[in-house]
N, C-alpha and C. Protein backbone atom coordinates (compact mmCIF):
# COMPACT_ATOMS: atom_id res chain seq x y z
N MET A 1 -0.87 126.95 18.63
CA MET A 1 0.75 126.42 18.70
C MET A 1 1.28 126.05 17.81
N SER A 2 2.42 126.37 17.47
CA SER A 2 3.03 126.10 16.37
C SER A 2 3.81 124.80 16.41
N GLU A 3 4.49 124.10 15.23
CA GLU A 3 5.29 123.26 15.38
C GLU A 3 6.42 123.18 14.57
N LEU A 4 7.48 122.92 14.62
CA LEU A 4 8.35 122.52 13.96
C LEU A 4 8.78 120.95 13.65
N ARG A 5 8.87 120.49 12.51
CA ARG A 5 9.11 119.12 12.40
C ARG A 5 10.55 119.03 11.25
N VAL A 6 11.22 118.42 11.85
CA VAL A 6 12.75 118.36 11.04
C VAL A 6 13.07 116.67 11.23
N ASP A 7 13.88 116.23 10.27
CA ASP A 7 14.25 114.78 10.25
C ASP A 7 15.74 114.93 11.07
N ASN A 8 16.54 115.76 10.74
CA ASN A 8 17.69 115.93 11.49
C ASN A 8 18.28 117.30 11.80
N ILE A 9 18.92 117.45 13.26
CA ILE A 9 19.33 118.87 13.75
C ILE A 9 20.74 118.67 13.97
N VAL A 10 21.37 119.58 13.16
CA VAL A 10 23.08 119.14 13.44
C VAL A 10 23.69 120.61 13.57
N SER A 11 24.96 120.68 13.81
CA SER A 11 25.42 122.14 14.16
C SER A 11 25.30 122.86 13.18
N ALA A 12 25.96 124.28 13.34
CA ALA A 12 25.78 125.15 12.30
C ALA A 12 26.48 124.83 11.15
N ASP A 13 27.76 124.30 11.63
CA ASP A 13 28.36 123.91 10.11
C ASP A 13 28.03 122.35 9.56
N GLY A 14 27.16 121.83 9.92
CA GLY A 14 26.46 120.63 9.56
C GLY A 14 27.48 119.35 9.78
N THR A 15 28.45 119.52 10.58
CA THR A 15 29.37 118.54 10.91
C THR A 15 29.04 117.53 11.94
N ALA A 16 28.48 117.95 12.80
CA ALA A 16 28.14 117.41 14.06
C ALA A 16 26.80 117.67 14.94
N ALA A 17 26.64 116.85 15.93
CA ALA A 17 25.33 117.42 16.40
C ALA A 17 25.40 118.67 17.44
N PRO A 18 24.38 119.15 17.71
CA PRO A 18 24.26 120.56 18.08
C PRO A 18 24.40 120.37 19.62
N ILE A 19 24.61 121.58 20.34
CA ILE A 19 24.81 121.85 21.65
C ILE A 19 23.76 122.29 21.87
N TYR A 20 22.88 121.82 23.39
CA TYR A 20 21.83 122.46 23.62
C TYR A 20 22.43 123.22 25.04
N SER A 21 21.91 124.55 24.99
CA SER A 21 22.51 125.25 25.97
C SER A 21 21.55 125.04 27.36
N LYS A 22 20.22 124.69 27.01
CA LYS A 22 19.48 124.60 27.86
C LYS A 22 18.92 123.23 27.90
N GLY A 23 17.94 123.04 28.89
CA GLY A 23 17.44 121.53 29.10
C GLY A 23 16.75 121.02 27.91
N MET A 24 16.33 119.88 28.05
CA MET A 24 15.37 118.93 27.01
C MET A 24 14.39 118.36 27.74
N ASN A 25 13.13 118.67 27.20
CA ASN A 25 11.89 117.77 27.54
C ASN A 25 11.64 116.86 26.23
N ILE A 26 11.56 115.23 26.63
CA ILE A 26 10.97 114.65 25.95
C ILE A 26 9.59 113.70 26.48
N GLY A 27 8.78 114.26 25.83
CA GLY A 27 7.26 113.74 26.19
C GLY A 27 6.89 112.40 26.12
N VAL A 28 6.45 112.01 26.47
CA VAL A 28 5.41 110.67 26.56
C VAL A 28 5.29 110.16 24.86
N GLY A 29 5.56 109.07 24.44
CA GLY A 29 5.29 108.54 23.26
C GLY A 29 6.57 109.15 22.06
N GLN A 30 7.34 110.06 22.56
CA GLN A 30 8.54 110.41 21.78
C GLN A 30 9.74 109.60 22.22
N THR A 31 10.53 109.47 21.16
CA THR A 31 11.74 108.86 21.36
C THR A 31 12.97 109.79 20.98
N LEU A 32 13.91 109.68 21.87
CA LEU A 32 15.02 110.64 21.68
C LEU A 32 15.99 109.59 21.24
N THR A 33 16.69 109.57 19.80
CA THR A 33 17.65 108.60 19.42
C THR A 33 18.92 109.51 18.88
N ASN A 34 19.94 109.20 19.83
CA ASN A 34 21.49 110.01 19.51
C ASN A 34 22.17 108.80 19.06
N ASN A 35 22.59 109.37 17.62
CA ASN A 35 23.69 108.58 16.91
C ASN A 35 25.09 109.18 16.87
N GLY A 36 24.79 110.52 17.20
CA GLY A 36 26.09 111.11 16.97
C GLY A 36 26.38 111.63 18.82
N ASN A 37 27.20 112.92 18.93
CA ASN A 37 27.24 113.29 20.10
C ASN A 37 26.33 114.61 20.47
N PHE A 38 25.90 114.66 21.64
CA PHE A 38 25.15 115.71 22.13
C PHE A 38 25.56 116.35 23.34
N VAL A 39 25.43 117.59 23.62
CA VAL A 39 25.64 118.19 25.00
C VAL A 39 24.60 119.05 25.49
N VAL A 40 23.92 118.65 26.59
CA VAL A 40 22.52 119.06 27.27
C VAL A 40 23.15 120.02 28.64
N GLY A 41 23.04 121.41 28.40
CA GLY A 41 23.26 122.39 29.39
C GLY A 41 22.90 122.34 30.42
N GLY A 42 21.06 122.52 30.68
CA GLY A 42 20.39 122.47 31.59
C GLY A 42 19.79 121.33 32.19
N ALA A 43 18.82 121.27 33.01
CA ALA A 43 18.00 120.23 33.37
C ALA A 43 17.08 119.68 32.51
N THR A 44 17.26 118.41 32.41
CA THR A 44 16.41 117.53 31.52
C THR A 44 15.63 116.49 31.95
N SER A 45 14.31 116.65 31.45
CA SER A 45 13.24 115.93 31.80
C SER A 45 12.73 114.91 30.80
N ILE A 46 12.82 113.57 30.94
CA ILE A 46 12.68 112.51 29.74
C ILE A 46 11.62 111.62 30.00
N ALA A 47 10.40 111.72 29.59
CA ALA A 47 9.34 110.67 29.78
C ALA A 47 8.96 109.77 28.95
N GLY A 48 9.70 110.00 27.71
CA GLY A 48 9.69 109.08 26.75
C GLY A 48 10.96 108.03 26.54
N ASN A 49 10.94 107.19 25.71
CA ASN A 49 12.15 106.29 25.55
C ASN A 49 13.41 107.07 24.86
N VAL A 50 14.56 106.47 25.67
CA VAL A 50 15.73 107.10 25.16
C VAL A 50 16.87 105.99 24.43
N GLN A 51 17.39 106.28 23.57
CA GLN A 51 18.48 105.31 22.79
C GLN A 51 19.68 106.26 22.50
N VAL A 52 20.68 106.07 23.05
CA VAL A 52 22.16 106.72 23.08
C VAL A 52 23.00 105.77 22.53
N SER A 53 23.32 106.12 21.30
CA SER A 53 24.30 105.34 20.75
C SER A 53 25.72 106.09 20.65
N GLY A 54 25.61 107.20 20.67
CA GLY A 54 27.04 108.20 20.78
C GLY A 54 27.44 108.88 22.26
N ALA A 55 28.48 109.76 22.26
CA ALA A 55 28.70 110.15 23.58
C ALA A 55 27.86 111.36 23.92
N SER A 56 27.46 111.46 25.04
CA SER A 56 26.45 112.51 25.49
C SER A 56 27.04 113.06 26.79
N THR A 57 26.63 114.54 26.84
CA THR A 57 27.19 115.06 28.37
C THR A 57 25.84 115.70 28.83
N PHE A 58 25.39 115.41 29.94
CA PHE A 58 24.43 116.14 30.64
C PHE A 58 25.18 117.05 31.85
N THR A 59 25.15 118.29 31.72
CA THR A 59 25.63 119.21 32.87
C THR A 59 24.74 119.60 33.93
N GLY A 60 23.38 119.25 33.50
CA GLY A 60 22.47 119.64 34.72
C GLY A 60 21.75 118.17 35.12
N ALA A 61 20.75 118.30 35.92
CA ALA A 61 19.91 117.19 36.44
C ALA A 61 19.33 116.46 35.29
N VAL A 62 19.26 115.23 35.43
CA VAL A 62 18.76 114.46 34.46
C VAL A 62 17.54 113.65 35.16
N THR A 63 16.36 113.51 34.63
CA THR A 63 15.19 112.57 35.22
C THR A 63 14.75 111.93 34.11
N TYR A 64 14.88 110.35 34.23
CA TYR A 64 14.23 109.32 33.17
C TYR A 64 12.94 108.88 33.67
N SER A 65 11.82 109.27 33.31
CA SER A 65 10.40 108.53 33.68
C SER A 65 10.21 107.19 33.14
N SER A 66 11.12 107.21 32.01
CA SER A 66 10.62 105.85 31.02
C SER A 66 11.81 104.96 30.83
N ASN A 67 11.87 104.14 29.92
CA ASN A 67 12.90 103.34 29.85
C ASN A 67 14.44 104.11 29.06
N ALA A 68 15.59 103.64 29.14
CA ALA A 68 16.67 104.19 28.69
C ALA A 68 17.46 103.12 28.12
N THR A 69 18.17 103.04 27.15
CA THR A 69 18.90 102.18 26.48
C THR A 69 20.27 102.95 26.03
N ILE A 70 21.24 102.76 26.69
CA ILE A 70 22.73 103.62 26.51
C ILE A 70 23.57 102.47 25.99
N ASN A 71 24.03 102.66 24.84
CA ASN A 71 25.13 101.97 24.18
C ASN A 71 26.58 102.75 23.95
N GLY A 72 26.35 103.95 24.33
CA GLY A 72 27.41 105.09 24.09
C GLY A 72 27.65 105.39 25.21
N ASN A 73 28.76 106.52 25.51
CA ASN A 73 29.28 106.96 26.74
C ASN A 73 28.30 108.13 27.44
N VAL A 74 27.92 108.21 28.01
CA VAL A 74 27.05 109.20 29.06
C VAL A 74 27.77 109.88 30.13
N THR A 75 27.91 111.25 30.03
CA THR A 75 28.53 111.61 31.38
C THR A 75 27.28 112.60 31.88
N ILE A 76 27.01 112.76 33.34
CA ILE A 76 26.06 113.34 33.98
C ILE A 76 26.84 114.14 35.07
N ASN A 77 26.88 115.16 35.21
CA ASN A 77 27.39 115.99 36.23
C ASN A 77 26.53 116.43 37.12
N GLY A 78 25.37 116.40 37.11
CA GLY A 78 24.30 116.63 37.78
C GLY A 78 23.87 115.42 38.80
N THR A 79 22.35 115.39 39.13
CA THR A 79 21.60 114.31 39.57
C THR A 79 21.00 113.56 38.59
N LEU A 80 21.06 112.34 38.67
CA LEU A 80 20.50 111.29 37.71
C LEU A 80 19.52 110.53 38.70
N THR A 81 17.92 110.71 38.05
CA THR A 81 16.98 110.11 38.66
C THR A 81 16.31 109.34 37.61
N ASN A 82 16.22 107.89 38.17
CA ASN A 82 15.56 107.02 36.91
C ASN A 82 14.29 106.34 37.91
N ASN A 83 13.21 106.40 37.01
CA ASN A 83 11.90 105.93 37.25
C ASN A 83 11.64 104.80 36.63
N GLY A 84 12.31 104.27 35.35
CA GLY A 84 12.07 103.43 34.70
C GLY A 84 13.24 102.34 34.51
N THR A 85 13.49 101.82 33.47
CA THR A 85 14.59 100.57 33.38
C THR A 85 15.62 101.34 32.67
N PHE A 86 16.86 101.11 33.19
CA PHE A 86 18.07 102.13 32.67
C PHE A 86 19.13 100.89 32.26
N SER A 87 19.32 100.58 30.97
CA SER A 87 20.37 99.57 30.33
C SER A 87 21.50 100.39 30.11
N TYR A 88 22.53 99.92 30.36
CA TYR A 88 24.10 100.31 30.00
C TYR A 88 24.76 99.20 29.40
N SER A 89 25.62 99.48 28.18
CA SER A 89 26.46 98.41 28.10
C SER A 89 27.79 98.66 28.78
N SER A 90 28.14 99.77 29.38
CA SER A 90 29.22 100.07 30.30
C SER A 90 28.53 101.22 31.27
N LEU A 91 28.97 101.37 32.46
CA LEU A 91 28.67 102.61 33.39
C LEU A 91 29.94 102.85 34.07
N ASN A 92 30.40 104.12 34.33
CA ASN A 92 31.55 104.37 34.92
C ASN A 92 31.09 105.65 35.98
N VAL A 93 31.17 105.51 37.22
CA VAL A 93 30.65 106.47 38.27
C VAL A 93 32.03 107.21 38.66
N SER A 94 32.21 108.44 38.41
CA SER A 94 33.66 108.84 39.34
C SER A 94 33.20 109.61 40.52
N GLY A 95 31.79 109.83 40.78
CA GLY A 95 31.64 110.40 42.12
C GLY A 95 30.93 109.54 42.94
N ASP A 96 30.08 109.62 43.95
CA ASP A 96 29.46 108.70 44.69
C ASP A 96 28.26 108.23 44.25
N ALA A 97 28.05 107.11 44.19
CA ALA A 97 26.64 106.31 43.96
C ALA A 97 25.82 105.72 45.04
N THR A 98 24.74 106.06 44.84
CA THR A 98 23.66 105.51 46.30
C THR A 98 22.65 104.64 45.66
N VAL A 99 22.46 103.29 45.85
CA VAL A 99 21.45 102.31 45.41
C VAL A 99 20.59 102.09 46.53
N GLY A 100 19.17 102.89 46.10
CA GLY A 100 18.29 102.87 47.35
C GLY A 100 17.74 101.31 47.19
N GLY A 101 17.52 100.87 46.22
CA GLY A 101 17.06 99.05 46.10
C GLY A 101 18.12 98.08 46.37
N ASN A 102 17.74 97.19 45.91
CA ASN A 102 18.67 95.86 45.60
C ASN A 102 19.65 96.05 44.61
N LEU A 103 21.05 95.46 44.76
CA LEU A 103 21.82 95.66 43.58
C LEU A 103 22.02 93.98 43.49
N THR A 104 21.91 93.77 41.97
CA THR A 104 22.20 92.61 41.75
C THR A 104 23.40 92.49 40.58
N VAL A 105 24.53 91.70 40.82
CA VAL A 105 25.46 91.54 39.72
C VAL A 105 25.57 90.32 39.17
N ASN A 106 25.50 90.40 37.78
CA ASN A 106 25.58 88.91 37.14
C ASN A 106 26.52 88.69 36.52
N GLY A 107 27.63 89.43 36.38
CA GLY A 107 29.22 89.21 35.79
C GLY A 107 29.78 88.02 36.46
N THR A 108 30.82 87.65 35.97
CA THR A 108 31.91 86.62 36.29
C THR A 108 32.82 86.98 37.55
N THR A 109 33.16 88.45 37.66
CA THR A 109 33.92 88.98 38.49
C THR A 109 33.74 90.14 39.07
N THR A 110 33.33 90.30 40.37
CA THR A 110 33.00 91.75 40.99
C THR A 110 34.45 92.05 42.06
N THR A 111 34.81 93.33 41.65
CA THR A 111 36.24 93.64 42.18
C THR A 111 35.90 95.12 42.95
N ILE A 112 36.11 94.84 44.25
CA ILE A 112 35.94 96.22 45.12
C ILE A 112 37.27 96.41 45.54
N ASP A 113 37.67 97.71 44.89
CA ASP A 113 39.07 98.35 45.32
C ASP A 113 38.89 99.53 46.22
N THR A 114 38.76 99.20 47.43
CA THR A 114 38.53 100.15 48.60
C THR A 114 39.37 99.79 49.66
N VAL A 115 39.47 100.98 50.60
CA VAL A 115 40.40 100.83 51.74
C VAL A 115 39.41 100.28 52.88
N ASN A 116 38.26 100.59 52.82
CA ASN A 116 37.65 100.11 53.84
C ASN A 116 36.29 99.61 53.51
N LEU A 117 35.98 98.12 54.04
CA LEU A 117 34.70 97.80 53.33
C LEU A 117 33.88 97.43 54.72
N VAL A 118 32.76 98.01 54.58
CA VAL A 118 32.05 98.03 55.72
C VAL A 118 30.32 97.13 55.29
N VAL A 119 30.32 96.10 56.09
CA VAL A 119 28.71 95.31 55.75
C VAL A 119 28.16 95.25 56.84
N GLU A 120 26.72 95.51 56.82
CA GLU A 120 26.04 95.53 58.16
C GLU A 120 25.59 94.18 58.46
N ASP A 121 25.35 93.33 57.59
CA ASP A 121 24.93 91.95 57.74
C ASP A 121 25.93 91.38 58.60
N LYS A 122 25.48 90.62 59.68
CA LYS A 122 26.61 89.87 60.46
C LYS A 122 26.68 88.53 60.11
N ASN A 123 26.21 87.94 59.20
CA ASN A 123 26.26 86.70 58.40
C ASN A 123 26.62 86.90 57.31
N ILE A 124 27.64 86.56 56.50
CA ILE A 124 28.13 86.57 55.18
C ILE A 124 28.05 85.16 54.85
N GLY A 125 26.95 85.06 53.50
CA GLY A 125 26.95 83.51 52.88
C GLY A 125 27.86 83.50 51.95
N ILE A 126 28.54 82.39 51.31
CA ILE A 126 29.50 82.10 50.36
C ILE A 126 29.17 80.89 49.76
N GLY A 127 29.23 80.64 48.32
CA GLY A 127 29.27 79.60 47.67
C GLY A 127 27.67 79.09 47.60
N THR A 128 26.89 80.12 47.18
CA THR A 128 25.57 80.02 46.78
C THR A 128 25.23 79.13 45.87
N THR A 129 24.82 78.32 45.52
CA THR A 129 23.96 77.71 44.37
C THR A 129 22.87 77.10 44.54
N SER A 130 22.12 76.73 43.41
CA SER A 130 20.92 76.41 43.43
C SER A 130 20.52 74.95 44.27
N THR A 131 21.51 74.01 44.46
CA THR A 131 21.40 72.93 45.66
C THR A 131 22.65 72.68 46.02
N PRO A 132 23.14 73.47 46.92
CA PRO A 132 24.30 73.38 47.93
C PRO A 132 24.47 72.15 48.75
N SER A 133 25.74 71.56 48.76
CA SER A 133 26.24 70.71 49.48
C SER A 133 27.54 70.57 49.85
N ASN A 134 27.91 69.61 50.53
CA ASN A 134 29.42 69.45 50.87
C ASN A 134 30.12 69.42 49.73
N SER A 135 30.00 68.93 48.42
CA SER A 135 30.50 68.76 47.43
C SER A 135 30.90 69.87 46.86
N THR A 136 29.64 70.89 46.65
CA THR A 136 29.78 72.26 46.11
C THR A 136 30.71 73.26 47.03
N ALA A 137 30.48 72.72 48.27
CA ALA A 137 31.49 73.69 49.29
C ALA A 137 32.91 73.49 49.28
N ASP A 138 33.17 72.39 48.81
CA ASP A 138 34.74 72.03 48.92
C ASP A 138 35.52 72.89 48.12
N GLY A 139 36.57 73.14 48.93
CA GLY A 139 37.29 74.26 48.62
C GLY A 139 37.39 75.59 49.06
N GLY A 140 36.10 75.78 49.46
CA GLY A 140 35.39 77.25 49.76
C GLY A 140 36.18 77.85 50.95
N GLY A 141 36.24 79.08 51.15
CA GLY A 141 36.86 79.67 52.13
C GLY A 141 37.15 80.84 52.00
N LEU A 142 38.31 81.40 53.03
CA LEU A 142 38.75 82.78 52.85
C LEU A 142 40.19 82.41 52.33
N THR A 143 40.82 83.52 51.72
CA THR A 143 42.06 83.63 51.14
C THR A 143 42.61 84.84 51.29
N LEU A 144 43.60 85.04 52.51
CA LEU A 144 44.33 86.21 52.52
C LEU A 144 45.80 86.37 52.05
N PHE A 145 45.73 87.29 50.85
CA PHE A 145 46.89 87.39 49.89
C PHE A 145 48.09 87.62 50.45
N GLY A 146 49.10 86.85 50.45
CA GLY A 146 50.52 87.30 51.05
C GLY A 146 51.28 87.36 50.06
N GLY A 147 51.55 87.55 48.69
CA GLY A 147 52.23 87.49 47.87
C GLY A 147 53.86 86.56 47.91
N THR A 148 54.72 87.23 48.00
CA THR A 148 56.14 86.22 48.04
C THR A 148 55.99 85.23 49.10
N ASP A 149 55.38 86.08 50.44
CA ASP A 149 55.45 85.30 51.59
C ASP A 149 54.17 84.23 51.88
N GLY A 150 53.68 84.01 50.66
CA GLY A 150 52.61 82.79 50.63
C GLY A 150 51.11 83.47 51.29
N ASP A 151 49.99 83.00 50.54
CA ASP A 151 48.69 83.21 50.99
C ASP A 151 48.55 82.54 52.15
N LYS A 152 47.61 83.26 53.02
CA LYS A 152 46.82 82.27 54.26
C LYS A 152 45.42 81.98 54.01
N THR A 153 45.13 80.89 54.00
CA THR A 153 43.82 80.20 53.84
C THR A 153 43.10 79.54 55.03
N ILE A 154 41.75 79.91 54.80
CA ILE A 154 40.94 78.78 55.61
C ILE A 154 39.94 78.21 54.50
N THR A 155 39.98 76.90 54.18
CA THR A 155 39.28 76.31 53.44
C THR A 155 38.41 75.00 53.86
N TRP A 156 37.46 74.78 53.32
CA TRP A 156 36.63 73.52 53.75
C TRP A 156 36.95 72.35 52.67
N GLN A 157 37.48 71.19 53.33
CA GLN A 157 37.80 70.12 52.70
C GLN A 157 36.70 68.88 52.73
N ASN A 158 35.98 68.46 51.67
CA ASN A 158 35.09 67.81 51.54
C ASN A 158 35.45 66.18 51.99
N SER A 159 36.49 65.96 51.45
CA SER A 159 36.92 64.28 51.67
C SER A 159 37.37 64.17 53.14
N THR A 160 37.64 65.09 53.97
CA THR A 160 37.88 65.06 55.30
C THR A 160 37.13 65.24 56.26
N GLY A 161 35.98 66.37 55.52
CA GLY A 161 35.31 66.99 56.55
C GLY A 161 35.53 67.93 57.48
N ASP A 162 36.56 68.42 57.14
CA ASP A 162 37.70 69.30 58.02
C ASP A 162 37.62 70.83 57.35
N TRP A 163 37.70 71.86 58.48
CA TRP A 163 38.30 73.19 57.76
C TRP A 163 39.75 73.34 57.84
N ASN A 164 40.59 73.69 56.97
CA ASN A 164 41.85 73.50 56.70
C ASN A 164 42.35 75.06 56.90
N VAL A 165 43.34 74.84 57.84
CA VAL A 165 44.03 76.45 58.08
C VAL A 165 45.60 76.13 57.48
N ASP A 166 45.95 76.97 56.63
CA ASP A 166 47.33 77.01 55.76
C ASP A 166 47.76 78.44 55.85
N GLY A 167 49.15 78.43 56.25
CA GLY A 167 49.91 79.52 55.82
C GLY A 167 50.26 80.35 57.36
N GLY A 168 49.97 79.62 58.36
CA GLY A 168 50.36 80.05 59.66
C GLY A 168 49.61 79.26 60.68
N GLY A 169 49.97 79.56 61.89
CA GLY A 169 49.03 79.02 63.15
C GLY A 169 47.84 79.71 63.38
N LEU A 170 47.02 79.27 64.34
CA LEU A 170 45.79 79.70 64.35
C LEU A 170 45.69 79.91 65.99
N ARG A 171 45.33 81.12 66.49
CA ARG A 171 45.45 81.61 67.61
C ARG A 171 44.02 81.93 67.92
N ILE A 172 43.43 81.21 69.29
CA ILE A 172 42.12 81.43 69.80
C ILE A 172 42.31 82.11 70.87
N GLN A 173 41.47 83.46 71.30
CA GLN A 173 41.65 84.25 72.58
C GLN A 173 40.37 84.35 72.61
N GLY A 174 40.04 84.46 74.00
CA GLY A 174 39.00 84.99 74.67
C GLY A 174 38.85 84.07 75.88
N LYS A 175 37.60 83.84 76.49
CA LYS A 175 37.58 82.95 77.90
C LYS A 175 38.11 81.91 77.77
N GLY A 176 38.60 81.34 78.99
CA GLY A 176 39.44 80.23 79.13
C GLY A 176 40.85 80.30 78.67
N ALA A 177 41.49 78.89 78.51
CA ALA A 177 42.78 79.20 78.26
C ALA A 177 43.22 79.35 76.37
N ALA A 178 44.26 80.02 76.14
CA ALA A 178 44.45 80.47 74.78
C ALA A 178 45.27 79.29 74.23
N THR A 179 44.92 78.60 73.03
CA THR A 179 45.38 77.44 72.37
C THR A 179 46.29 78.13 71.22
N THR A 180 47.39 77.84 70.81
CA THR A 180 48.01 78.72 69.59
C THR A 180 48.84 77.87 68.95
N GLY A 181 49.13 78.21 67.94
CA GLY A 181 50.15 77.39 66.99
C GLY A 181 49.64 76.12 66.23
N LYS A 182 50.46 75.11 66.20
CA LYS A 182 50.30 73.76 65.74
C LYS A 182 49.21 72.82 66.85
N ALA A 183 49.13 73.19 68.10
CA ALA A 183 48.19 72.58 69.28
C ALA A 183 46.89 72.42 68.45
N ILE A 184 46.59 73.94 68.25
CA ILE A 184 45.24 74.00 67.65
C ILE A 184 44.73 73.36 66.46
N ALA A 185 45.95 73.16 65.31
CA ALA A 185 45.78 72.65 64.32
C ALA A 185 45.73 70.96 64.61
N MET A 186 46.33 70.36 65.42
CA MET A 186 46.25 69.10 65.91
C MET A 186 44.59 68.90 66.35
N ALA A 187 44.04 70.06 66.99
CA ALA A 187 42.90 69.60 67.67
C ALA A 187 41.97 69.44 66.55
N MET A 188 41.99 70.37 65.45
CA MET A 188 41.13 70.43 64.40
C MET A 188 41.17 69.10 63.80
N VAL A 189 42.38 68.58 63.29
CA VAL A 189 42.68 67.46 62.55
C VAL A 189 42.16 66.28 63.24
N PHE A 190 42.31 65.81 64.61
CA PHE A 190 42.19 64.73 65.08
C PHE A 190 41.08 64.83 65.94
N GLY A 191 40.18 66.03 66.15
CA GLY A 191 39.01 66.15 67.00
C GLY A 191 39.05 66.14 68.43
N ALA A 192 40.28 66.51 68.69
CA ALA A 192 40.61 66.33 70.20
C ALA A 192 40.13 67.33 70.99
């Protein structure tokens, strides 16, 4: 079996990284370091570590069996399978994304820009801390944004021990007589 050992592989004119028309196989113990741009056209199997600093495009399926650290932009038009740890500085998904395990978000802001939000859990917990109390729950609740018409809120007020409804009346419907508007607000405030 012959070997080809080189320090750098560049394009024919020597100005850029090459384009691989077929897939790449990176074996265990090997490290693929990309400081420029490269394009891989076929299926790619990576058993070793990967470090990507430049932009990369994979048009075929990609399988990571080990760890991958991505500091540049990576575009994958095929299926991405990751069996190791995948670390990104930034991740953009233009198609569907399915997470088979747990999803943990450690940032300060989570934005969900979608028409429909479907949650299977029938009990949604908010305001979680290591030591929850009435003080940490103070001001917590729900806000329905109303723009120039004013927001509508249901919030917990620790000083009074009450739930406050603001921005409109509250109607309770179901079995028994319905109570509407200010009457239910009075009942909540005075415990009637």
